[in-house]
């Protein structure tokens, strides 16, 4: 496919929302995301990691489904982290939102400034959801 612009904000949590992502895990996860994105031809725009969840802003070629991307990102990163932290695991749920070119810089800024948003209480609920709404 010669031209595509499919941007997504993906968010998912650690198992039980346990604070399992410390500095060592963060390095491993970031490296795993970079390798997976390279292997799949994804364009990773921003990664934001918190102790209990991850945010990624990326562009996905139409040959890949979002479920496939999530399976690969979560699977490869949890496998890599478990080499030094056997108890690490992601939740099965995730959130995926699409957005247009005009929102790319805003979404990236939000993803990159996760710590600040959580410290100041300025999180955007629609960009933090990892499960479908009840009912």
N, C-alpha and C. Protein backbone atom coordinates (compact mmCIF):
# COMPACT_ATOMS: atom_id res chain seq x y z
N UNK A 1 0.86 -1.17 0.00
CA UNK A 1 0.00 0.00 0.00
C UNK A 1 0.91 1.23 0.00
N UNK A 2 0.75 2.12 -0.98
CA UNK A 2 1.68 3.24 -1.11
C UNK A 2 1.48 4.36 -0.10
N UNK A 3 0.27 4.57 0.42
CA UNK A 3 0.05 5.69 1.33
C UNK A 3 -0.95 5.29 2.41
N UNK A 4 -0.60 5.58 3.64
CA UNK A 4 -1.52 5.34 4.76
C UNK A 4 -1.16 6.28 5.90
N UNK A 5 -2.18 6.68 6.66
CA UNK A 5 -2.00 7.52 7.84
C UNK A 5 -2.98 7.02 8.89
N UNK A 6 -2.59 5.99 9.63
CA UNK A 6 -3.46 5.37 10.64
C UNK A 6 -2.77 5.48 11.99
N UNK A 7 -3.20 6.45 12.79
CA UNK A 7 -2.59 6.73 14.08
C UNK A 7 -3.44 6.15 15.21
N UNK A 8 -2.76 5.63 16.23
CA UNK A 8 -3.45 5.05 17.38
C UNK A 8 -2.78 5.43 18.68
N UNK A 9 -3.60 5.60 19.69
CA UNK A 9 -3.13 5.73 21.07
C UNK A 9 -3.52 4.42 21.74
N UNK A 10 -2.52 3.68 22.23
CA UNK A 10 -2.76 2.40 22.89
C UNK A 10 -2.37 2.52 24.35
N UNK A 11 -3.17 1.93 25.21
CA UNK A 11 -2.88 1.95 26.64
C UNK A 11 -3.24 0.59 27.22
N UNK A 12 -2.39 0.10 28.13
CA UNK A 12 -2.66 -1.16 28.82
C UNK A 12 -1.94 -1.16 30.15
N UNK A 13 -2.38 -2.04 31.03
CA UNK A 13 -1.90 -2.04 32.41
C UNK A 13 -1.17 -3.34 32.75
N UNK A 14 -0.41 -3.26 33.82
CA UNK A 14 0.21 -4.46 34.37
C UNK A 14 -0.88 -5.31 35.02
N UNK A 15 -0.59 -6.56 35.24
CA UNK A 15 -1.54 -7.47 35.86
C UNK A 15 -1.94 -6.93 37.24
N UNK A 16 -3.23 -6.78 37.43
CA UNK A 16 -3.74 -6.28 38.70
C UNK A 16 -3.38 -4.83 38.98
N UNK A 17 -2.88 -4.12 37.96
CA UNK A 17 -2.41 -2.73 38.10
C UNK A 17 -1.35 -2.62 39.18
N UNK A 18 -0.58 -3.69 39.33
CA UNK A 18 0.54 -3.68 40.28
C UNK A 18 1.65 -2.80 39.73
N UNK A 19 2.36 -2.07 40.61
CA UNK A 19 3.46 -1.21 40.16
C UNK A 19 4.72 -2.03 39.84
N UNK A 20 4.72 -2.68 38.71
CA UNK A 20 5.78 -3.61 38.34
C UNK A 20 6.85 -3.00 37.43
N UNK A 21 6.65 -1.75 37.01
CA UNK A 21 7.58 -1.13 36.06
C UNK A 21 8.47 -0.13 36.80
N UNK A 22 9.67 -0.58 37.14
CA UNK A 22 10.69 0.29 37.72
C UNK A 22 11.68 0.64 36.60
N UNK A 23 12.76 1.32 36.94
CA UNK A 23 13.72 1.80 35.93
C UNK A 23 14.27 0.67 35.06
N UNK A 24 14.61 -0.45 35.66
CA UNK A 24 15.17 -1.58 34.89
C UNK A 24 14.14 -2.11 33.91
N UNK A 25 12.92 -2.33 34.37
CA UNK A 25 11.85 -2.84 33.50
C UNK A 25 11.54 -1.83 32.40
N UNK A 26 11.57 -0.56 32.75
CA UNK A 26 11.27 0.48 31.76
C UNK A 26 12.27 0.42 30.60
N UNK A 27 13.53 0.27 30.89
CA UNK A 27 14.54 0.17 29.83
C UNK A 27 14.27 -1.03 28.92
N UNK A 28 13.98 -2.16 29.53
CA UNK A 28 13.73 -3.39 28.76
C UNK A 28 12.47 -3.22 27.91
N UNK A 29 11.43 -2.65 28.47
CA UNK A 29 10.17 -2.46 27.75
C UNK A 29 10.37 -1.51 26.57
N UNK A 30 11.05 -0.40 26.79
CA UNK A 30 11.30 0.55 25.70
C UNK A 30 12.08 -0.10 24.56
N UNK A 31 13.10 -0.87 24.90
CA UNK A 31 13.89 -1.55 23.87
C UNK A 31 13.03 -2.58 23.12
N UNK A 32 12.23 -3.32 23.86
CA UNK A 32 11.35 -4.31 23.24
C UNK A 32 10.35 -3.63 22.29
N UNK A 33 9.75 -2.52 22.73
CA UNK A 33 8.81 -1.79 21.87
C UNK A 33 9.52 -1.34 20.58
N UNK A 34 10.73 -0.80 20.71
CA UNK A 34 11.46 -0.32 19.53
C UNK A 34 11.73 -1.47 18.56
N UNK A 35 12.15 -2.61 19.09
CA UNK A 35 12.43 -3.77 18.23
C UNK A 35 11.16 -4.29 17.56
N UNK A 36 10.08 -4.38 18.31
CA UNK A 36 8.82 -4.88 17.77
C UNK A 36 8.30 -3.93 16.69
N UNK A 37 8.35 -2.64 16.97
CA UNK A 37 7.89 -1.66 15.98
C UNK A 37 8.72 -1.76 14.70
N UNK A 38 10.02 -1.91 14.86
CA UNK A 38 10.88 -2.08 13.69
C UNK A 38 10.54 -3.33 12.89
N UNK A 39 10.35 -4.43 13.60
CA UNK A 39 10.01 -5.70 12.94
C UNK A 39 8.69 -5.63 12.18
N UNK A 40 7.72 -4.90 12.74
CA UNK A 40 6.38 -4.86 12.14
C UNK A 40 6.18 -3.68 11.19
N UNK A 41 7.14 -2.79 11.11
CA UNK A 41 6.99 -1.61 10.27
C UNK A 41 6.05 -0.58 10.85
N UNK A 42 5.96 -0.53 12.19
CA UNK A 42 5.13 0.46 12.88
C UNK A 42 5.95 1.72 13.08
N UNK A 43 5.31 2.87 13.06
CA UNK A 43 5.98 4.12 13.36
C UNK A 43 5.63 4.52 14.79
N UNK A 44 6.60 4.38 15.69
CA UNK A 44 6.36 4.72 17.09
C UNK A 44 6.67 6.19 17.29
N UNK A 45 5.67 6.94 17.71
CA UNK A 45 5.81 8.38 17.91
C UNK A 45 6.13 8.73 19.36
N UNK A 46 5.60 7.98 20.32
CA UNK A 46 5.83 8.30 21.73
C UNK A 46 5.51 7.09 22.60
N UNK A 47 6.28 6.95 23.68
CA UNK A 47 6.05 5.91 24.69
C UNK A 47 6.04 6.60 26.04
N UNK A 48 5.04 6.29 26.83
CA UNK A 48 4.94 6.80 28.20
C UNK A 48 4.70 5.64 29.14
N UNK A 49 5.61 5.44 30.07
CA UNK A 49 5.48 4.32 31.01
C UNK A 49 5.29 4.84 32.42
N UNK A 50 4.35 4.23 33.10
CA UNK A 50 4.10 4.49 34.52
C UNK A 50 4.35 3.18 35.24
N UNK A 51 4.46 3.19 36.57
CA UNK A 51 4.73 1.94 37.28
C UNK A 51 3.70 0.84 37.03
N UNK A 52 2.47 1.22 36.66
CA UNK A 52 1.42 0.21 36.49
C UNK A 52 0.76 0.19 35.11
N UNK A 53 1.23 0.99 34.17
CA UNK A 53 0.64 0.95 32.83
C UNK A 53 1.55 1.59 31.78
N UNK A 54 1.18 1.36 30.52
CA UNK A 54 1.94 1.86 29.38
C UNK A 54 1.02 2.58 28.41
N UNK A 55 1.56 3.64 27.79
CA UNK A 55 0.89 4.36 26.71
C UNK A 55 1.83 4.35 25.52
N UNK A 56 1.28 4.18 24.33
CA UNK A 56 2.08 4.24 23.11
C UNK A 56 1.25 4.96 22.05
N UNK A 57 1.89 5.93 21.38
CA UNK A 57 1.28 6.57 20.22
C UNK A 57 2.04 6.07 19.01
N UNK A 58 1.33 5.44 18.08
CA UNK A 58 2.01 4.92 16.90
C UNK A 58 1.12 4.92 15.69
N UNK A 59 1.77 4.75 14.56
CA UNK A 59 1.06 4.62 13.28
C UNK A 59 1.24 3.18 12.82
N UNK A 60 0.13 2.58 12.41
CA UNK A 60 0.10 1.15 12.08
C UNK A 60 -0.28 0.96 10.62
N UNK A 61 0.57 0.27 9.85
CA UNK A 61 0.21 0.00 8.46
C UNK A 61 -1.06 -0.85 8.40
N UNK A 62 -1.87 -0.70 7.37
CA UNK A 62 -3.14 -1.42 7.29
C UNK A 62 -2.99 -2.94 7.19
N UNK A 63 -1.81 -3.44 6.95
CA UNK A 63 -1.63 -4.90 6.88
C UNK A 63 -1.69 -5.55 8.27
N UNK A 64 -1.64 -4.72 9.33
CA UNK A 64 -1.69 -5.24 10.70
C UNK A 64 -2.99 -4.83 11.39
N UNK A 65 -3.57 -5.74 12.14
CA UNK A 65 -4.72 -5.41 12.98
C UNK A 65 -4.20 -4.88 14.32
N UNK A 66 -5.04 -4.12 15.00
CA UNK A 66 -4.64 -3.60 16.31
C UNK A 66 -4.44 -4.75 17.30
N UNK A 67 -5.28 -5.78 17.21
CA UNK A 67 -5.12 -6.91 18.13
C UNK A 67 -3.77 -7.61 17.90
N UNK A 68 -3.34 -7.70 16.65
CA UNK A 68 -2.04 -8.29 16.34
C UNK A 68 -0.91 -7.43 16.90
N UNK A 69 -1.01 -6.13 16.73
CA UNK A 69 0.00 -5.19 17.26
C UNK A 69 0.09 -5.32 18.77
N UNK A 70 -1.07 -5.34 19.43
CA UNK A 70 -1.08 -5.44 20.89
C UNK A 70 -0.47 -6.77 21.35
N UNK A 71 -0.82 -7.84 20.68
CA UNK A 71 -0.28 -9.15 21.04
C UNK A 71 1.24 -9.14 20.95
N UNK A 72 1.76 -8.57 19.89
CA UNK A 72 3.22 -8.53 19.70
C UNK A 72 3.91 -7.60 20.70
N UNK A 73 3.36 -6.39 20.90
CA UNK A 73 3.98 -5.44 21.84
C UNK A 73 3.98 -5.99 23.26
N UNK A 74 2.82 -6.48 23.69
CA UNK A 74 2.71 -7.00 25.05
C UNK A 74 3.49 -8.29 25.22
N UNK A 75 3.39 -9.19 24.25
CA UNK A 75 4.06 -10.49 24.36
C UNK A 75 5.57 -10.36 24.39
N UNK A 76 6.12 -9.59 23.45
CA UNK A 76 7.58 -9.45 23.39
C UNK A 76 8.12 -8.73 24.62
N UNK A 77 7.43 -7.69 25.06
CA UNK A 77 7.94 -6.94 26.21
C UNK A 77 7.83 -7.74 27.50
N UNK A 78 6.73 -8.46 27.70
CA UNK A 78 6.62 -9.26 28.93
C UNK A 78 7.63 -10.39 28.92
N UNK A 79 7.87 -10.99 27.76
CA UNK A 79 8.88 -12.05 27.66
C UNK A 79 10.26 -11.49 28.02
N UNK A 80 10.58 -10.30 27.50
CA UNK A 80 11.88 -9.69 27.78
C UNK A 80 12.04 -9.33 29.25
N UNK A 81 11.01 -8.77 29.85
CA UNK A 81 11.09 -8.38 31.26
C UNK A 81 11.20 -9.61 32.16
N UNK A 82 10.48 -10.68 31.82
CA UNK A 82 10.49 -11.88 32.65
C UNK A 82 11.87 -12.55 32.71
N UNK A 83 12.78 -12.20 31.83
CA UNK A 83 14.14 -12.74 31.89
C UNK A 83 14.82 -12.33 33.20
N UNK A 84 14.45 -11.16 33.74
CA UNK A 84 15.04 -10.70 35.01
C UNK A 84 13.99 -10.52 36.12
N UNK A 85 12.71 -10.50 35.75
CA UNK A 85 11.64 -10.32 36.72
C UNK A 85 10.53 -11.32 36.38
N UNK A 86 10.65 -12.56 36.87
CA UNK A 86 9.72 -13.62 36.48
C UNK A 86 8.26 -13.36 36.81
N UNK A 87 7.97 -12.46 37.73
CA UNK A 87 6.58 -12.19 38.11
C UNK A 87 5.89 -11.16 37.23
N UNK A 88 6.57 -10.62 36.23
CA UNK A 88 5.98 -9.57 35.40
C UNK A 88 4.93 -10.13 34.46
N UNK A 89 3.81 -9.40 34.35
CA UNK A 89 2.74 -9.80 33.44
C UNK A 89 1.86 -8.59 33.15
N UNK A 90 1.40 -8.49 31.90
CA UNK A 90 0.43 -7.47 31.52
C UNK A 90 -0.99 -8.02 31.70
N UNK A 91 -1.96 -7.14 31.94
CA UNK A 91 -3.37 -7.52 31.90
C UNK A 91 -3.74 -7.88 30.47
N UNK A 92 -4.80 -8.66 30.31
CA UNK A 92 -5.21 -9.02 28.96
C UNK A 92 -5.92 -7.87 28.25
N UNK A 93 -6.55 -6.98 28.99
CA UNK A 93 -7.29 -5.88 28.38
C UNK A 93 -6.35 -4.79 27.88
N UNK A 94 -6.88 -3.96 26.99
CA UNK A 94 -6.16 -2.78 26.52
C UNK A 94 -7.16 -1.79 25.95
N UNK A 95 -6.72 -0.57 25.79
CA UNK A 95 -7.52 0.46 25.14
C UNK A 95 -6.84 0.87 23.85
N UNK A 96 -7.63 1.15 22.83
CA UNK A 96 -7.11 1.60 21.55
C UNK A 96 -8.01 2.69 20.99
N UNK A 97 -7.42 3.83 20.72
CA UNK A 97 -8.15 4.95 20.14
C UNK A 97 -7.44 5.40 18.88
N UNK A 98 -8.20 5.67 17.84
CA UNK A 98 -7.61 6.21 16.62
C UNK A 98 -7.72 7.73 16.67
N UNK A 99 -6.83 8.39 15.94
CA UNK A 99 -6.87 9.85 15.87
C UNK A 99 -6.24 10.30 14.56
N UNK A 100 -6.52 11.54 14.18
CA UNK A 100 -6.04 12.09 12.92
C UNK A 100 -4.72 12.82 13.04
N UNK A 101 -4.21 13.25 11.89
CA UNK A 101 -2.93 13.95 11.84
C UNK A 101 -2.89 15.19 12.73
N UNK A 102 -3.99 15.92 12.80
CA UNK A 102 -4.00 17.16 13.58
C UNK A 102 -3.83 16.91 15.07
N UNK A 103 -4.21 15.75 15.56
CA UNK A 103 -4.10 15.43 16.98
C UNK A 103 -2.77 14.77 17.35
N UNK A 104 -1.96 14.43 16.36
CA UNK A 104 -0.73 13.67 16.63
C UNK A 104 0.16 14.35 17.65
N UNK A 105 0.43 15.63 17.51
CA UNK A 105 1.32 16.30 18.46
C UNK A 105 0.72 16.35 19.86
N UNK A 106 -0.58 16.55 19.98
CA UNK A 106 -1.24 16.59 21.30
C UNK A 106 -1.20 15.22 21.98
N UNK A 107 -1.49 14.17 21.21
CA UNK A 107 -1.46 12.82 21.77
C UNK A 107 -0.04 12.46 22.21
N UNK A 108 0.94 12.78 21.38
CA UNK A 108 2.34 12.49 21.75
C UNK A 108 2.73 13.24 23.01
N UNK A 109 2.35 14.50 23.13
CA UNK A 109 2.67 15.28 24.33
C UNK A 109 2.03 14.64 25.56
N UNK A 110 0.80 14.18 25.42
CA UNK A 110 0.12 13.52 26.53
C UNK A 110 0.86 12.25 26.94
N UNK A 111 1.23 11.44 25.97
CA UNK A 111 1.93 10.18 26.24
C UNK A 111 3.29 10.45 26.89
N UNK A 112 4.03 11.40 26.37
CA UNK A 112 5.37 11.68 26.89
C UNK A 112 5.37 12.31 28.27
N UNK A 113 4.26 12.94 28.64
CA UNK A 113 4.18 13.63 29.94
C UNK A 113 3.29 12.89 30.94
N UNK A 114 3.31 11.58 30.89
CA UNK A 114 2.48 10.77 31.77
C UNK A 114 2.71 11.07 33.25
N UNK A 115 3.94 11.11 33.66
CA UNK A 115 4.23 11.33 35.09
C UNK A 115 3.64 12.65 35.56
N UNK A 116 3.82 13.69 34.79
CA UNK A 116 3.28 15.00 35.14
C UNK A 116 1.76 14.97 35.22
N UNK A 117 1.12 14.34 34.25
CA UNK A 117 -0.35 14.27 34.26
C UNK A 117 -0.86 13.53 35.49
N UNK A 118 -0.20 12.45 35.85
CA UNK A 118 -0.65 11.70 37.03
C UNK A 118 -0.36 12.46 38.32
N UNK A 119 0.78 13.13 38.39
CA UNK A 119 1.11 13.90 39.60
C UNK A 119 0.17 15.08 39.80
N UNK A 120 -0.20 15.76 38.70
CA UNK A 120 -1.04 16.95 38.79
C UNK A 120 -2.53 16.65 38.70
N UNK A 121 -2.87 15.38 38.44
CA UNK A 121 -4.28 15.02 38.31
C UNK A 121 -4.91 15.55 37.03
N UNK A 122 -4.11 15.68 35.97
CA UNK A 122 -4.62 16.21 34.71
C UNK A 122 -4.75 15.10 33.65
N UNK A 123 -4.97 13.88 34.10
CA UNK A 123 -5.13 12.78 33.14
C UNK A 123 -6.45 12.94 32.40
N UNK A 124 -6.49 12.43 31.19
CA UNK A 124 -7.71 12.43 30.38
C UNK A 124 -8.29 11.02 30.42
N UNK A 125 -9.44 10.89 31.04
CA UNK A 125 -10.03 9.56 31.26
C UNK A 125 -10.16 8.76 29.97
N UNK A 126 -10.51 9.40 28.88
CA UNK A 126 -10.69 8.66 27.62
C UNK A 126 -9.38 8.10 27.09
N UNK A 127 -8.24 8.67 27.52
CA UNK A 127 -6.94 8.17 27.07
C UNK A 127 -6.30 7.23 28.10
N UNK A 128 -6.98 6.97 29.19
CA UNK A 128 -6.47 6.10 30.23
C UNK A 128 -7.21 4.78 30.32
N UNK A 129 -8.32 4.67 29.63
CA UNK A 129 -9.19 3.49 29.75
C UNK A 129 -8.57 2.27 29.11
N UNK A 130 -8.53 1.18 29.89
CA UNK A 130 -8.00 -0.07 29.37
C UNK A 130 -9.09 -1.14 29.28
N UNK A 131 -10.28 -0.83 29.76
CA UNK A 131 -11.39 -1.78 29.72
C UNK A 131 -12.60 -1.08 29.13
N UNK A 132 -13.52 -1.83 28.55
CA UNK A 132 -14.73 -1.20 28.03
C UNK A 132 -15.56 -0.64 29.19
N UNK A 133 -16.34 0.41 28.93
CA UNK A 133 -17.19 0.94 29.99
C UNK A 133 -18.23 -0.09 30.40
N UNK A 134 -18.64 -0.05 31.69
CA UNK A 134 -19.64 -1.02 32.16
C UNK A 134 -20.99 -0.83 31.46
N UNK A 135 -21.72 -1.92 31.36
CA UNK A 135 -23.08 -1.87 30.84
C UNK A 135 -23.11 -1.93 29.40
